[in-house]
Amino acid sequence: MISYQHVSAHAGTEEEIQGRGKKVRVLSIPAIRDRVVQGALKLILEPIFEADFQAGRLDIDEADSA
């Protein structure tokens, strides 16, 4: 049986930066743990979706050349 663990985002650092004119924007910097989880998910999911995209792309190319 597969068990899932809920991962919630940690509070990141927020910095106020000067925007154009006199506007002040809030820049949120994610926590290191969140960046590690995002990177791991990208490494796992990207090849799966790339394979699906590439397969679909070949079908379109063959239809255009016929």
N, C-alpha and C. Protein backbone atom coordinates (compact mmCIF):
# COMPACT_ATOMS: atom_id res chain seq x y z
N MET A 1 0.84 -1.17 0.00
CA MET A 1 0.00 0.00 0.00
C MET A 1 0.89 1.24 0.00
N ILE A 2 0.49 2.22 -0.76
CA ILE A 2 1.25 3.47 -0.86
C ILE A 2 0.73 4.45 0.18
N SER A 3 1.64 5.04 0.93
CA SER A 3 1.23 6.07 1.87
C SER A 3 1.77 7.42 1.38
N TYR A 4 0.94 8.42 1.49
CA TYR A 4 1.31 9.76 1.05
C TYR A 4 1.54 10.65 2.24
N GLN A 5 2.56 11.46 2.15
CA GLN A 5 2.86 12.41 3.21
C GLN A 5 2.58 13.81 2.68
N HIS A 6 1.82 14.57 3.42
CA HIS A 6 1.50 15.93 3.01
C HIS A 6 2.71 16.83 3.25
N VAL A 7 3.13 17.53 2.23
CA VAL A 7 4.25 18.46 2.35
C VAL A 7 3.70 19.87 2.19
N SER A 8 3.85 20.67 3.21
CA SER A 8 3.38 22.05 3.12
C SER A 8 4.56 22.99 2.97
N ALA A 9 4.31 24.10 2.34
CA ALA A 9 5.36 25.09 2.11
C ALA A 9 5.76 25.76 3.42
N HIS A 10 7.03 25.99 3.57
CA HIS A 10 7.53 26.71 4.74
C HIS A 10 7.53 28.20 4.44
N ALA A 11 7.46 28.96 5.46
CA ALA A 11 7.50 30.41 5.29
C ALA A 11 8.86 30.80 4.74
N GLY A 12 8.83 31.54 3.67
CA GLY A 12 10.07 32.01 3.08
C GLY A 12 10.42 33.38 3.60
N THR A 13 11.45 33.94 3.06
CA THR A 13 11.88 35.28 3.43
C THR A 13 11.21 36.27 2.50
N GLU A 14 10.70 37.33 3.06
CA GLU A 14 10.09 38.38 2.25
C GLU A 14 10.90 39.66 2.38
N GLU A 15 11.26 40.21 1.25
CA GLU A 15 12.02 41.46 1.21
C GLU A 15 11.25 42.48 0.39
N GLU A 16 11.25 43.70 0.82
CA GLU A 16 10.63 44.76 0.04
C GLU A 16 11.69 45.38 -0.85
N ILE A 17 11.39 45.48 -2.14
CA ILE A 17 12.34 46.07 -3.08
C ILE A 17 11.67 47.24 -3.78
N GLN A 18 12.49 48.18 -4.19
CA GLN A 18 12.01 49.36 -4.88
C GLN A 18 11.72 49.00 -6.33
N GLY A 19 10.48 49.24 -6.77
CA GLY A 19 10.09 48.98 -8.15
C GLY A 19 10.25 50.24 -8.97
N ARG A 20 9.57 50.26 -10.10
CA ARG A 20 9.61 51.46 -10.95
C ARG A 20 8.88 52.59 -10.25
N GLY A 21 9.39 53.75 -10.39
CA GLY A 21 8.78 54.90 -9.73
C GLY A 21 8.97 54.79 -8.23
N LYS A 22 7.90 54.98 -7.49
CA LYS A 22 7.99 54.90 -6.03
C LYS A 22 7.31 53.66 -5.49
N LYS A 23 6.96 52.73 -6.38
CA LYS A 23 6.30 51.50 -5.95
C LYS A 23 7.26 50.62 -5.17
N VAL A 24 6.74 50.00 -4.14
CA VAL A 24 7.52 49.03 -3.37
C VAL A 24 6.88 47.67 -3.59
N ARG A 25 7.68 46.70 -4.01
CA ARG A 25 7.17 45.35 -4.25
C ARG A 25 7.74 44.42 -3.19
N VAL A 26 6.98 43.37 -2.91
CA VAL A 26 7.43 42.35 -1.97
C VAL A 26 8.01 41.19 -2.77
N LEU A 27 9.25 40.86 -2.51
CA LEU A 27 9.93 39.75 -3.16
C LEU A 27 9.99 38.60 -2.17
N SER A 28 9.35 37.47 -2.52
CA SER A 28 9.34 36.31 -1.65
C SER A 28 10.43 35.34 -2.09
N ILE A 29 11.27 34.95 -1.17
CA ILE A 29 12.35 34.01 -1.43
C ILE A 29 11.98 32.70 -0.73
N PRO A 30 11.80 31.60 -1.50
CA PRO A 30 11.38 30.35 -0.89
C PRO A 30 12.46 29.75 0.01
N ALA A 31 12.01 28.94 0.96
CA ALA A 31 12.93 28.25 1.86
C ALA A 31 13.72 27.20 1.07
N ILE A 32 14.89 26.84 1.56
CA ILE A 32 15.75 25.87 0.89
C ILE A 32 15.04 24.53 0.73
N ARG A 33 14.31 24.10 1.75
CA ARG A 33 13.62 22.80 1.68
C ARG A 33 12.62 22.79 0.53
N ASP A 34 11.89 23.90 0.35
CA ASP A 34 10.92 23.98 -0.73
C ASP A 34 11.61 23.92 -2.09
N ARG A 35 12.75 24.57 -2.22
CA ARG A 35 13.48 24.53 -3.48
C ARG A 35 13.99 23.11 -3.78
N VAL A 36 14.41 22.38 -2.76
CA VAL A 36 14.88 21.01 -2.94
C VAL A 36 13.73 20.13 -3.41
N VAL A 37 12.55 20.27 -2.80
CA VAL A 37 11.39 19.48 -3.19
C VAL A 37 10.98 19.83 -4.62
N GLN A 38 10.98 21.10 -4.98
CA GLN A 38 10.64 21.51 -6.34
C GLN A 38 11.61 20.92 -7.35
N GLY A 39 12.90 20.96 -7.04
CA GLY A 39 13.91 20.40 -7.94
C GLY A 39 13.75 18.90 -8.11
N ALA A 40 13.47 18.19 -7.02
CA ALA A 40 13.28 16.74 -7.09
C ALA A 40 12.06 16.39 -7.93
N LEU A 41 10.96 17.11 -7.73
CA LEU A 41 9.77 16.86 -8.52
C LEU A 41 10.01 17.15 -10.00
N LYS A 42 10.78 18.18 -10.29
CA LYS A 42 11.08 18.52 -11.68
C LYS A 42 11.88 17.39 -12.33
N LEU A 43 12.86 16.85 -11.61
CA LEU A 43 13.67 15.76 -12.16
C LEU A 43 12.84 14.51 -12.41
N ILE A 44 11.82 14.28 -11.59
CA ILE A 44 10.98 13.09 -11.74
C ILE A 44 9.95 13.29 -12.84
N LEU A 45 9.27 14.45 -12.85
CA LEU A 45 8.14 14.65 -13.74
C LEU A 45 8.53 15.10 -15.15
N GLU A 46 9.61 15.83 -15.29
CA GLU A 46 9.97 16.37 -16.60
C GLU A 46 10.18 15.30 -17.67
N PRO A 47 10.91 14.20 -17.40
CA PRO A 47 11.06 13.19 -18.45
C PRO A 47 9.74 12.54 -18.85
N ILE A 48 8.82 12.41 -17.92
CA ILE A 48 7.52 11.81 -18.24
C ILE A 48 6.76 12.69 -19.22
N PHE A 49 6.68 13.99 -18.92
CA PHE A 49 5.93 14.89 -19.78
C PHE A 49 6.68 15.18 -21.07
N GLU A 50 7.98 15.19 -21.05
CA GLU A 50 8.77 15.38 -22.28
C GLU A 50 8.53 14.23 -23.24
N ALA A 51 8.47 13.00 -22.73
CA ALA A 51 8.23 11.84 -23.58
C ALA A 51 6.86 11.94 -24.23
N ASP A 52 5.85 12.34 -23.47
CA ASP A 52 4.51 12.51 -24.04
C ASP A 52 4.50 13.61 -25.08
N PHE A 53 5.18 14.71 -24.80
CA PHE A 53 5.21 15.82 -25.74
C PHE A 53 5.93 15.42 -27.02
N GLN A 54 7.07 14.76 -26.90
CA GLN A 54 7.84 14.36 -28.07
C GLN A 54 7.06 13.40 -28.95
N ALA A 55 6.34 12.46 -28.35
CA ALA A 55 5.56 11.51 -29.13
C ALA A 55 4.46 12.24 -29.89
N GLY A 56 3.79 13.17 -29.26
CA GLY A 56 2.76 13.95 -29.93
C GLY A 56 3.33 14.83 -31.01
N ARG A 57 4.50 15.34 -30.80
CA ARG A 57 5.15 16.22 -31.76
C ARG A 57 5.49 15.48 -33.04
N LEU A 58 5.92 14.23 -32.94
CA LEU A 58 6.25 13.44 -34.12
C LEU A 58 5.03 13.21 -34.99
N ASP A 59 3.88 12.99 -34.39
CA ASP A 59 2.65 12.79 -35.15
C ASP A 59 2.30 14.03 -35.94
N ILE A 60 2.49 15.19 -35.37
CA ILE A 60 2.18 16.44 -36.07
C ILE A 60 3.13 16.65 -37.24
N ASP A 61 4.43 16.38 -37.05
CA ASP A 61 5.40 16.55 -38.12
C ASP A 61 5.10 15.64 -39.30
N GLU A 62 4.72 14.38 -39.04
CA GLU A 62 4.43 13.44 -40.12
C GLU A 62 3.19 13.88 -40.89
N ALA A 63 2.19 14.42 -40.21
CA ALA A 63 0.97 14.87 -40.87
C ALA A 63 1.24 16.10 -41.74
N ASP A 64 2.14 16.98 -41.29
CA ASP A 64 2.46 18.19 -42.06
C ASP A 64 3.24 17.86 -43.33
N SER A 65 4.08 16.84 -43.29
CA SER A 65 4.94 16.54 -44.45
C SER A 65 4.21 15.73 -45.51
N ALA A 66 3.07 15.15 -45.16
CA ALA A 66 2.35 14.29 -46.13
C ALA A 66 1.54 15.10 -47.12
